[in-house]
Amino acid sequence: MTAAVVGTAAHVGASSANKSAQANANAQATQQQLADQDAQIAALQAQQAQQAQIAAAPAAPAAPAVDPVTAQLTNLASLHAAGILSDEEFAAAKAKALGL
């Protein structure tokens, strides 16, 4: 009967050691998962901060609107100054652009 008690005690001890080892493995896996989640959260927070910085950056000012008639007159004046248009051609094109 002593052998049976010793064998049972050895079995219970081994079973307890296996359970303890499994509990340690589960605890380590849980800690690793928490560490991974913390790393993911930190990465997402950094990404959000970067996106907020980009969104807060001032936009480039819009180019002022250019009136098409003014642009055409400026172009005609450049052509006239370069000698491409004569005085008469410039005057006629200017009158046409102004609707006269």
Protein backbone atom coordinates (compact mmCIF):
# COMPACT_ATOMS: atom_id res chain seq x y z
CA MET A 1 0.00 0.00 0.00
CA THR A 2 2.90 2.33 0.59
CA ALA A 3 3.95 1.91 -3.04
CA ALA A 4 0.46 2.88 -4.17
CA VAL A 5 0.53 6.04 -2.04
CA VAL A 6 3.99 6.97 -3.28
CA GLY A 7 2.95 6.35 -6.90
CA THR A 8 -0.18 8.43 -6.48
CA ALA A 9 1.80 11.24 -4.83
CA ALA A 10 4.30 11.18 -7.68
CA HIS A 11 1.49 11.34 -10.21
CA VAL A 12 -0.22 14.22 -8.38
CA GLY A 13 3.11 16.04 -8.12
CA ALA A 14 3.81 15.63 -11.83
CA SER A 15 0.28 16.70 -12.69
CA SER A 16 0.67 19.76 -10.49
CA ALA A 17 3.97 20.62 -12.15
CA ASN A 18 2.38 20.30 -15.61
CA LYS A 19 -0.47 22.58 -14.58
CA SER A 20 1.99 25.08 -13.17
CA ALA A 21 4.06 25.01 -16.34
CA GLN A 22 0.91 25.48 -18.45
CA ALA A 23 -0.19 28.38 -16.24
CA ASN A 24 3.24 30.01 -16.70
CA ALA A 25 3.05 29.52 -20.47
CA ASN A 26 -0.45 31.05 -20.53
CA ALA A 27 0.70 34.00 -18.43
CA GLN A 28 3.68 34.59 -20.74
CA ALA A 29 1.44 34.39 -23.82
CA THR A 30 -0.98 36.88 -22.26
CA GLN A 31 1.88 39.25 -21.41
CA GLN A 32 3.19 39.00 -24.97
CA GLN A 33 -0.26 39.76 -26.37
CA LEU A 34 -0.55 42.80 -24.09
CA ALA A 35 2.90 43.99 -25.15
CA ASP A 36 1.94 43.56 -28.82
CA GLN A 37 -1.28 45.49 -28.28
CA ASP A 38 0.60 48.28 -26.50
CA ALA A 39 3.00 48.50 -29.45
CA GLN A 40 0.09 48.65 -31.91
CA ILE A 41 -1.62 51.36 -29.87
CA ALA A 42 1.60 53.39 -29.74
CA ALA A 43 2.03 53.07 -33.51
CA LEU A 44 -1.57 54.15 -34.15
CA GLN A 45 -1.21 57.11 -31.80
CA ALA A 46 1.96 58.20 -33.60
CA GLN A 47 0.19 57.87 -36.94
CA GLN A 48 -2.77 59.93 -35.70
CA ALA A 49 -0.44 62.61 -34.38
CA GLN A 50 1.32 62.78 -37.74
CA GLN A 51 -1.99 63.04 -39.59
CA ALA A 52 -3.16 65.78 -37.22
CA GLN A 53 0.07 67.68 -37.88
CA ILE A 54 -0.45 67.40 -41.62
CA ALA A 55 -4.08 68.52 -41.32
CA ALA A 56 -3.09 71.48 -39.16
CA ALA A 57 -0.43 72.68 -41.61
CA PRO A 58 -1.56 75.83 -43.37
CA ALA A 59 -2.60 75.31 -46.96
CA ALA A 60 -0.76 77.18 -49.67
CA PRO A 61 -2.55 80.38 -50.53
CA ALA A 62 -4.66 80.16 -53.64
CA ALA A 63 -3.42 82.03 -56.66
CA PRO A 64 -5.39 85.20 -57.22
CA ALA A 65 -8.07 84.91 -59.84
CA VAL A 66 -6.99 86.39 -63.15
CA ASP A 67 -9.59 88.03 -65.31
CA PRO A 68 -9.40 86.49 -68.80
CA VAL A 69 -9.69 89.91 -70.47
CA THR A 70 -6.83 91.26 -68.37
CA ALA A 71 -4.73 88.22 -69.22
CA GLN A 72 -5.46 88.69 -72.92
CA LEU A 73 -4.59 92.39 -72.78
CA THR A 74 -1.34 91.60 -70.95
CA ASN A 75 -0.47 89.05 -73.62
CA LEU A 76 -1.26 91.53 -76.40
CA ALA A 77 0.87 94.20 -74.70
CA SER A 78 3.78 91.74 -74.51
CA LEU A 79 3.42 90.93 -78.22
CA HIS A 80 3.26 94.65 -79.04
CA ALA A 81 6.31 95.44 -76.90
CA ALA A 82 8.24 92.60 -78.57
CA GLY A 83 7.44 94.09 -81.97
CA ILE A 84 5.30 91.16 -83.07
CA LEU A 85 2.17 93.32 -83.30
CA SER A 86 2.15 96.70 -85.00
CA ASP A 87 0.41 99.67 -83.37
CA GLU A 88 -2.64 99.15 -85.60
CA GLU A 89 -2.79 95.39 -84.94
CA PHE A 90 -2.44 96.00 -81.21
CA ALA A 91 -5.20 98.63 -81.20
CA ALA A 92 -7.54 96.36 -83.19
CA ALA A 93 -6.88 93.31 -80.98
CA LYS A 94 -7.30 95.43 -77.83
CA ALA A 95 -10.63 96.79 -79.05
CA LYS A 96 -11.78 93.26 -79.88
CA ALA A 97 -10.75 91.96 -76.44
CA LEU A 98 -12.61 94.81 -74.75
CA GLY A 99 -15.67 94.19 -76.90
CA LEU A 100 -15.54 97.59 -78.54
